[in-house]
Amino acid sequence: MTDLAVRRRRQALYLFFFLPGIAMSSWVTRTPDVRDQLGVSTGQMGLILFGLSVGSMTGILCSGRCVSRFGTRPVIALGTLLIIAGTIVIGVGSAMESAPVVTAGLCLFGAGMGAGEVAVNVDGADVERLTGSVVLPTLHGCFSLGTVIGGLAGMAATAAEFPAHWHLAVIAVIATGLLVHALRAVPAGVGISTGAPTTGPTPHAKPQVWKDRKLLLIGAIVLAMALAEGAANDWLPLLMVDGHGLDAAVGSLVYVGFAAAMTLGRFSGTFFLDRFGRAAVVRASAVSGAIGLLLVIFSDNAVVAATAVLFWGLGASLGFPVALSAAGDSGPDQTARVSLVAIIGYVAFLVGPPALGFLGDHYGLRSAMVVVLVFVAAAIFLAPAADTRSRTPAKVDA
């Protein structure tokens, strides 16, 4: 593969990370409006968000096998199409004031996020192999950059009282254009299992990776940090509105601050990884996330809590991409390893929304976030597992 082709491929992957970021933050910033429009409680909103979790888990469970059989390109395309379709259905459900339709839209949306998750990370890990440089944190930074831009647009739309369904329709149109533009640069065949019949490698690979203790510890790091990121994506605007008395527009602004901190952490991640290594970066990330959560939960000062969200965002920024990169480097069968760790991480997205919603109904959202704090604190002690030995990179053809 030529330098130009690799460069175009990397730019396409930037867009495929950027796109779901815009779509996700567009939904998140409108959750207070959608909740009020649907007339549901915090607990009921948790059940609606469960549709996103079920879709995500379904997509992630299918993604590894689909990548092994068909390659990353068609799986990325399908995942993006499902995100677009889900965004449209969520908008329709909001306009209809129908909780089941919004739930169905979130299920489609989550399936697209989950289906594309393994595919784009396997493709990104392959680019790391070809270039011999750290790529995944920057790619995940593009997701966070998308959440910042989508969050700012969502905040403006909320302040202007622009209807959520029209807002989401605009996002779907933009996403369609990005898909058409970027897909051409992604090569076919990446991630397909070689040797033996197509159905053979997957059954044999799974028992091996499940027995790898270090890989499971990496998965535990992903579980904790994905819960920290997912809790903010699902609940942060509502947490600031219900837990700290802010209005919906300011709650959206706080979420934008979280997304901006995530973006900063991910784009600067390569610098720190090159100098300090994965274990030190994961440990520092977990400490930052724990400090942020601690202040958000226990401080009664809304300004302090809103500022602490920046530490939460910085802490959550690198755990997921760094652990996925470590998983890909931890042994043979990269697709199976990345898939397993991603599945473990998505357990957080599956269990998190309804569990936090249930706890929020009974004890308040601030108290519910103590669960997230405990998991993030545990990641501090699990950080050494991320220190896997990198493979020798292949050279890019001139």
Protein backbone atom coordinates (compact mmCIF):
# COMPACT_ATOMS: atom_id res chain seq x y z
CA MET A 1 0.00 0.00 0.00
CA THR A 2 1.44 3.41 -1.00
CA ASP A 3 2.02 6.32 1.36
CA LEU A 4 -0.76 8.29 -0.36
CA ALA A 5 -3.25 5.43 -0.01
CA VAL A 6 -2.42 5.00 3.68
CA ARG A 7 -2.80 8.74 4.24
CA ARG A 8 -6.20 8.80 2.53
CA ARG A 9 -7.26 5.74 4.47
CA ARG A 10 -6.27 7.36 7.76
CA GLN A 11 -8.20 10.52 6.82
CA ALA A 12 -11.25 8.38 6.01
CA LEU A 13 -11.00 6.71 9.41
CA TYR A 14 -10.86 10.16 11.01
CA LEU A 15 -14.25 10.83 9.43
CA PHE A 16 -15.66 7.47 10.50
CA PHE A 17 -14.75 8.31 14.11
CA PHE A 18 -15.90 11.92 13.74
CA LEU A 19 -19.34 10.98 12.37
CA PRO A 20 -20.69 8.93 15.31
CA GLY A 21 -19.32 11.58 17.66
CA ILE A 22 -21.50 14.25 16.07
CA ALA A 23 -24.51 11.93 16.03
CA MET A 24 -24.06 10.83 19.66
CA SER A 25 -23.64 14.33 21.09
CA SER A 26 -26.58 15.60 19.04
CA TRP A 27 -28.75 13.03 20.80
CA VAL A 28 -27.18 13.55 24.25
CA THR A 29 -27.62 17.33 24.25
CA ARG A 30 -31.32 16.91 23.44
CA THR A 31 -32.06 14.28 26.12
CA PRO A 32 -33.58 16.80 28.58
CA ASP A 33 -35.90 18.12 25.84
CA VAL A 34 -36.78 14.63 24.62
CA ARG A 35 -37.44 13.43 28.17
CA ASP A 36 -39.77 16.36 28.81
CA GLN A 37 -41.46 15.86 25.46
CA LEU A 38 -42.05 12.18 26.19
CA GLY A 39 -43.15 12.97 29.76
CA VAL A 40 -41.10 10.17 31.37
CA SER A 41 -39.28 9.87 34.71
CA THR A 42 -35.55 9.36 35.20
CA GLY A 43 -36.08 5.62 35.68
CA GLN A 44 -38.20 5.38 32.55
CA MET A 45 -35.55 7.35 30.66
CA GLY A 46 -33.05 4.72 31.79
CA LEU A 47 -35.23 2.04 30.19
CA ILE A 48 -35.40 4.06 26.96
CA LEU A 49 -31.61 4.35 27.00
CA PHE A 50 -31.50 0.57 27.46
CA GLY A 51 -32.50 0.40 23.78
CA LEU A 52 -29.15 2.01 22.95
CA SER A 53 -27.37 -0.53 25.13
CA VAL A 54 -29.15 -3.55 23.62
CA GLY A 55 -28.43 -2.32 20.11
CA SER A 56 -24.78 -1.66 20.98
CA MET A 57 -24.27 -5.10 22.46
CA THR A 58 -26.01 -6.78 19.51
CA GLY A 59 -23.82 -4.91 17.07
CA ILE A 60 -20.60 -5.56 18.94
CA LEU A 61 -21.34 -9.29 19.29
CA CYS A 62 -21.85 -9.60 15.54
CA SER A 63 -19.06 -7.26 14.47
CA GLY A 64 -16.05 -9.49 15.16
CA ARG A 65 -17.39 -12.40 13.13
CA CYS A 66 -18.52 -10.12 10.32
CA VAL A 67 -15.09 -8.48 10.13
CA SER A 68 -13.38 -11.89 10.14
CA ARG A 69 -15.60 -13.04 7.26
CA PHE A 70 -16.18 -9.92 5.14
CA GLY A 71 -13.50 -7.43 6.22
CA THR A 72 -13.75 -4.01 7.83
CA ARG A 73 -15.08 -2.02 4.85
CA PRO A 74 -18.62 -3.47 4.54
CA VAL A 75 -19.02 -3.60 8.34
CA ILE A 76 -18.05 0.07 8.66
CA ALA A 77 -20.54 0.95 5.91
CA LEU A 78 -23.37 -1.05 7.54
CA GLY A 79 -22.66 0.40 10.97
CA THR A 80 -22.74 3.96 9.63
CA LEU A 81 -26.01 3.34 7.77
CA LEU A 82 -27.58 2.03 10.98
CA ILE A 83 -26.43 5.14 12.87
CA ILE A 84 -28.08 7.32 10.21
CA ALA A 85 -31.28 5.26 10.28
CA GLY A 86 -31.36 5.31 14.07
CA THR A 87 -30.93 9.10 14.16
CA ILE A 88 -33.90 9.49 11.82
CA VAL A 89 -36.10 7.12 13.86
CA ILE A 90 -35.20 8.88 17.14
CA GLY A 91 -36.28 12.16 15.55
CA VAL A 92 -39.54 10.64 14.35
CA GLY A 93 -40.22 9.20 17.81
CA SER A 94 -39.55 12.58 19.41
CA ALA A 95 -41.96 14.29 17.02
CA MET A 96 -44.60 11.62 17.71
CA GLU A 97 -43.95 11.79 21.48
CA SER A 98 -43.57 8.01 21.38
CA ALA A 99 -41.17 6.41 23.85
CA PRO A 100 -41.23 3.00 22.04
CA VAL A 101 -40.23 4.62 18.73
CA VAL A 102 -37.39 6.56 20.40
CA THR A 103 -36.27 3.31 22.05
CA ALA A 104 -36.33 1.53 18.67
CA GLY A 105 -34.31 4.36 17.13
CA LEU A 106 -31.75 4.15 19.91
CA CYS A 107 -31.53 0.39 19.34
CA LEU A 108 -30.72 0.96 15.66
CA PHE A 109 -28.29 3.71 16.58
CA GLY A 110 -26.56 1.49 19.14
CA ALA A 111 -26.38 -1.41 16.68
CA GLY A 112 -24.59 0.87 14.23
CA MET A 113 -22.16 2.10 16.90
CA GLY A 114 -21.47 -1.46 18.05
CA ALA A 115 -21.17 -2.95 14.57
CA GLY A 116 -18.70 -0.29 13.48
CA GLU A 117 -16.71 -0.30 16.74
CA VAL A 118 -14.59 -3.38 16.11
CA ALA A 119 -14.29 -2.68 12.37
CA VAL A 120 -12.92 0.87 12.67
CA ASN A 121 -10.57 -0.10 15.51
CA VAL A 122 -9.23 -3.12 13.61
CA ASP A 123 -8.70 -0.89 10.58
CA GLY A 124 -7.02 1.73 12.76
CA ALA A 125 -4.78 -0.91 14.36
CA ASP A 126 -3.79 -2.05 10.87
CA VAL A 127 -2.83 1.53 9.99
CA GLU A 128 -0.69 1.57 13.16
CA ARG A 129 1.03 -1.58 11.90
CA LEU A 130 1.65 -0.08 8.46
CA THR A 131 2.93 3.28 9.66
CA GLY A 132 4.72 2.20 12.82
CA SER A 133 3.12 5.10 14.72
CA VAL A 134 0.42 5.50 17.38
CA VAL A 135 -2.89 6.18 15.59
CA LEU A 136 -5.81 4.96 17.71
CA PRO A 137 -5.81 7.75 20.35
CA THR A 138 -5.92 10.37 17.59
CA LEU A 139 -8.69 8.50 15.81
CA HIS A 140 -10.70 8.35 19.03
CA GLY A 141 -9.87 12.03 19.43
CA CYS A 142 -11.81 12.62 16.20
CA PHE A 143 -14.81 10.98 17.85
CA SER A 144 -14.46 13.38 20.76
CA LEU A 145 -13.99 16.32 18.38
CA GLY A 146 -17.26 15.27 16.76
CA THR A 147 -18.94 15.28 20.16
CA VAL A 148 -17.68 18.82 20.80
CA ILE A 149 -18.97 20.15 17.48
CA GLY A 150 -22.24 18.22 17.77
CA GLY A 151 -22.58 19.32 21.38
CA LEU A 152 -22.11 22.99 20.51
CA ALA A 153 -24.70 22.67 17.75
CA GLY A 154 -27.03 20.86 20.16
CA MET A 155 -26.57 23.52 22.81
CA ALA A 156 -27.37 26.25 20.27
CA ALA A 157 -30.41 24.32 19.06
CA THR A 158 -31.59 23.83 22.65
CA ALA A 159 -31.15 27.52 23.47
CA ALA A 160 -33.01 28.50 20.29
CA GLU A 161 -35.76 25.93 21.08
CA PHE A 162 -35.18 24.36 17.66
CA PRO A 163 -37.25 21.14 17.51
CA ALA A 164 -35.19 18.05 18.31
CA HIS A 165 -36.59 16.06 15.38
CA TRP A 166 -35.50 18.65 12.82
CA HIS A 167 -32.12 18.93 14.49
CA LEU A 168 -31.61 15.16 14.22
CA ALA A 169 -32.79 15.16 10.60
CA VAL A 170 -30.06 17.66 9.70
CA ILE A 171 -27.47 15.46 11.42
CA ALA A 172 -28.64 12.44 9.41
CA VAL A 173 -28.15 14.34 6.13
CA ILE A 174 -24.63 15.43 7.14
CA ALA A 175 -23.73 11.88 8.18
CA THR A 176 -24.89 10.50 4.83
CA GLY A 177 -22.60 12.88 2.98
CA LEU A 178 -19.61 11.92 5.15
CA LEU A 179 -20.26 8.22 4.56
CA VAL A 180 -20.36 8.59 0.76
CA HIS A 181 -17.17 10.66 0.77
CA ALA A 182 -15.06 8.54 3.12
CA LEU A 183 -15.94 4.94 2.26
CA ARG A 184 -13.99 4.95 -1.02
CA ALA A 185 -10.65 5.27 0.78
CA VAL A 186 -11.13 2.19 3.00
CA PRO A 187 -9.59 -0.88 1.31
CA ALA A 188 -11.40 -4.20 1.04
CA GLY A 189 -10.17 -7.34 2.78
CA VAL A 190 -8.71 -5.88 5.99
CA GLY A 191 -9.44 -8.07 9.02
CA ILE A 192 -10.54 -11.17 7.08
CA SER A 193 -9.27 -14.34 8.76
CA THR A 194 -6.88 -16.32 6.58
CA GLY A 195 -6.15 -20.00 6.46
CA ALA A 196 -8.69 -22.76 7.10
CA PRO A 197 -12.35 -22.30 6.22
CA THR A 198 -13.95 -18.96 7.01
CA THR A 199 -15.90 -20.37 9.94
CA GLY A 200 -12.87 -22.13 11.44
CA PRO A 201 -10.68 -19.44 13.01
CA THR A 202 -13.38 -17.83 15.12
CA PRO A 203 -14.32 -20.88 17.25
CA HIS A 204 -10.63 -21.75 17.79
CA ALA A 205 -9.56 -18.17 18.56
CA LYS A 206 -12.18 -17.44 21.18
CA PRO A 207 -11.18 -20.02 23.80
CA GLN A 208 -7.54 -18.86 23.47
CA VAL A 209 -8.28 -15.19 24.05
CA TRP A 210 -10.73 -15.92 26.88
CA LYS A 211 -7.94 -17.82 28.65
CA ASP A 212 -5.51 -14.91 28.37
CA ARG A 213 -5.51 -13.37 31.87
CA LYS A 214 -3.71 -10.22 30.85
CA LEU A 215 -6.20 -9.64 28.05
CA LEU A 216 -9.05 -10.02 30.54
CA LEU A 217 -7.40 -7.44 32.80
CA ILE A 218 -7.18 -5.11 29.81
CA GLY A 219 -10.88 -5.78 29.30
CA ALA A 220 -11.54 -4.79 32.92
CA ILE A 221 -9.80 -1.45 32.29
CA VAL A 222 -11.99 -0.92 29.24
CA LEU A 223 -15.06 -1.82 31.29
CA ALA A 224 -14.26 0.83 33.91
CA MET A 225 -13.29 3.59 31.49
CA ALA A 226 -16.16 2.84 29.10
CA LEU A 227 -18.53 3.16 32.06
CA ALA A 228 -16.99 6.56 32.87
CA GLU A 229 -17.41 7.73 29.27
CA GLY A 230 -20.83 6.12 28.81
CA ALA A 231 -22.23 7.54 32.05
CA ALA A 232 -21.41 11.05 30.82
CA ASN A 233 -22.81 10.36 27.37
CA ASP A 234 -26.05 9.00 28.82
CA TRP A 235 -26.61 11.17 31.86
CA LEU A 236 -24.36 14.23 32.14
CA PRO A 237 -26.84 16.90 30.91
CA LEU A 238 -29.58 15.43 33.11
CA LEU A 239 -27.11 15.07 36.00
CA MET A 240 -26.32 18.79 35.83
CA VAL A 241 -29.99 19.75 35.41
CA ASP A 242 -31.46 17.48 38.11
CA GLY A 243 -28.44 17.15 40.39
CA HIS A 244 -27.04 20.69 40.33
CA GLY A 245 -30.02 22.83 39.31
CA LEU A 246 -28.72 24.10 35.96
CA ASP A 247 -31.05 24.78 33.04
CA ALA A 248 -31.03 22.54 29.95
CA ALA A 249 -28.86 24.84 27.80
CA VAL A 250 -26.18 25.18 30.51
CA GLY A 251 -26.35 21.42 31.14
CA SER A 252 -25.59 20.93 27.44
CA LEU A 253 -22.68 23.39 27.75
CA VAL A 254 -21.21 21.32 30.60
CA TYR A 255 -21.44 18.25 28.36
CA VAL A 256 -19.59 20.18 25.64
CA GLY A 257 -16.87 20.89 28.24
CA PHE A 258 -16.64 17.17 28.96
CA ALA A 259 -16.37 16.41 25.23
CA ALA A 260 -13.73 19.12 24.77
CA ALA A 261 -11.65 17.63 27.61
CA MET A 262 -11.98 14.20 25.98
CA THR A 263 -10.81 15.67 22.68
CA LEU A 264 -7.81 17.38 24.28
CA GLY A 265 -6.83 14.18 26.08
CA ARG A 266 -7.04 12.04 22.98
CA PHE A 267 -5.21 14.38 20.63
CA SER A 268 -2.40 14.84 23.15
CA GLY A 269 -2.35 11.14 23.99
CA THR A 270 0.39 10.21 21.52
CA PHE A 271 2.81 12.66 23.17
CA PHE A 272 2.31 11.16 26.63
CA LEU A 273 2.22 7.55 25.41
CA ASP A 274 5.55 7.94 23.62
CA ARG A 275 7.17 9.36 26.76
CA PHE A 276 5.56 7.50 29.64
CA GLY A 277 4.05 4.31 28.20
CA ARG A 278 0.56 2.85 28.34
CA ALA A 279 0.46 1.82 31.99
CA ALA A 280 1.41 5.27 33.33
CA VAL A 281 -1.05 7.00 30.98
CA VAL A 282 -3.92 4.68 31.96
CA ARG A 283 -3.15 5.17 35.66
CA ALA A 284 -3.03 8.96 35.33
CA SER A 285 -6.28 8.89 33.33
CA ALA A 286 -8.04 6.86 36.01
CA VAL A 287 -6.81 9.22 38.76
CA SER A 288 -8.05 12.27 36.82
CA GLY A 289 -11.42 10.62 36.17
CA ALA A 290 -11.81 9.66 39.83
CA ILE A 291 -11.04 13.21 40.99
CA GLY A 292 -13.58 14.63 38.55
CA LEU A 293 -16.30 12.21 39.57
CA LEU A 294 -15.58 12.77 43.25
CA LEU A 295 -16.15 16.51 42.93
CA VAL A 296 -19.21 16.18 40.69
CA ILE A 297 -20.83 13.79 43.15
CA PHE A 298 -19.98 15.41 46.48
CA SER A 299 -19.63 19.13 45.77
CA ASP A 300 -22.80 21.19 46.22
CA ASN A 301 -21.25 24.08 44.29
CA ALA A 302 -22.50 23.95 40.69
CA VAL A 303 -19.44 25.85 39.40
CA VAL A 304 -17.04 23.42 41.08
CA ALA A 305 -19.02 20.46 39.75
CA ALA A 306 -19.08 21.87 36.22
CA THR A 307 -15.32 22.49 36.35
CA ALA A 308 -14.69 19.00 37.71
CA VAL A 309 -16.35 17.58 34.59
CA LEU A 310 -13.16 18.61 32.75
CA PHE A 311 -11.12 16.23 34.95
CA TRP A 312 -13.75 13.55 34.33
CA GLY A 313 -13.43 14.06 30.57
CA LEU A 314 -9.62 14.04 30.60
CA GLY A 315 -9.68 10.88 32.69
CA ALA A 316 -12.10 9.06 30.40
CA SER A 317 -10.33 10.12 27.21
CA LEU A 318 -7.51 7.60 26.82
CA GLY A 319 -8.53 4.48 28.75
CA PHE A 320 -10.67 2.99 25.97
CA PRO A 321 -8.40 3.58 22.91
CA VAL A 322 -5.18 2.78 24.77
CA ALA A 323 -6.60 -0.49 26.11
CA LEU A 324 -7.87 -1.46 22.65
CA SER A 325 -4.43 -0.78 21.22
CA ALA A 326 -2.90 -2.88 24.01
CA ALA A 327 -5.33 -5.69 23.24
CA GLY A 328 -4.33 -5.67 19.58
CA ASP A 329 -0.66 -5.94 20.58
CA SER A 330 -1.15 -8.64 23.22
CA GLY A 331 -0.94 -11.67 20.92
CA PRO A 332 -2.06 -13.31 17.67
CA ASP A 333 -5.50 -12.92 16.05
CA GLN A 334 -5.87 -9.17 16.40
CA THR A 335 -9.55 -9.16 15.37
CA ALA A 336 -10.55 -11.67 18.06
CA ARG A 337 -8.61 -9.79 20.75
CA VAL A 338 -9.94 -6.35 19.90
CA SER A 339 -13.43 -7.85 19.58
CA LEU A 340 -13.27 -9.52 23.00
CA VAL A 341 -12.06 -6.40 24.78
CA ALA A 342 -14.64 -4.24 23.00
CA ILE A 343 -17.39 -6.67 24.04
CA ILE A 344 -16.25 -6.47 27.67
CA GLY A 345 -16.30 -2.69 27.42
CA TYR A 346 -19.76 -2.67 25.93
CA VAL A 347 -21.08 -4.49 28.99
CA ALA A 348 -20.77 -1.05 30.60
CA PHE A 349 -23.02 0.42 27.93
CA LEU A 350 -25.48 -2.46 28.32
CA VAL A 351 -25.78 -2.42 32.11
CA GLY A 352 -24.95 1.23 32.82
CA PRO A 353 -27.99 3.22 31.58
CA PRO A 354 -30.79 1.23 33.25
CA ALA A 355 -28.76 0.61 36.42
CA LEU A 356 -27.86 4.29 36.83
CA GLY A 357 -31.42 5.28 35.96
CA PHE A 358 -32.81 2.90 38.60
CA LEU A 359 -30.38 4.17 41.23
CA GLY A 360 -31.07 7.76 40.15
CA ASP A 361 -34.79 7.27 40.68
CA HIS A 362 -34.23 6.03 44.22
CA TYR A 363 -31.17 7.96 45.41
CA GLY A 364 -30.62 10.75 42.85
CA LEU A 365 -28.26 10.81 39.88
CA ARG A 366 -25.38 12.25 41.89
CA SER A 367 -25.46 9.33 44.31
CA ALA A 368 -25.83 6.87 41.44
CA MET A 369 -22.50 8.04 40.01
CA VAL A 370 -20.69 6.56 43.04
CA VAL A 371 -20.84 3.24 41.16
CA VAL A 372 -18.91 4.79 38.28
CA LEU A 373 -16.40 6.26 40.72
CA VAL A 374 -15.69 2.83 42.25
CA PHE A 375 -15.00 1.27 38.84
CA VAL A 376 -12.72 4.11 37.75
CA ALA A 377 -10.79 3.92 41.03
CA ALA A 378 -10.27 0.18 40.44
CA ALA A 379 -8.72 0.96 37.02
CA ILE A 380 -5.87 2.77 38.82
CA PHE A 381 -4.66 -0.59 40.16
CA LEU A 382 -5.32 -2.48 36.90
CA ALA A 383 -3.25 -0.06 34.78
CA PRO A 384 -0.06 -2.23 34.54
CA ALA A 385 -1.99 -4.74 32.39
CA ALA A 386 -2.03 -2.20 29.53
CA ASP A 387 1.74 -2.37 29.23
CA THR A 388 1.89 -4.93 26.40
CA ARG A 389 4.89 -5.29 24.12
CA SER A 390 4.32 -3.69 20.72
CA ARG A 391 4.79 -5.75 17.63
CA THR A 392 7.39 -4.80 15.03
CA PRO A 393 5.63 -2.59 12.50
CA ALA A 394 5.65 -3.41 8.84
CA LYS A 395 7.01 -0.87 6.41
CA VAL A 396 4.78 1.05 4.09
CA ASP A 397 5.47 0.48 0.42
CA ALA A 398 6.92 3.49 -1.28
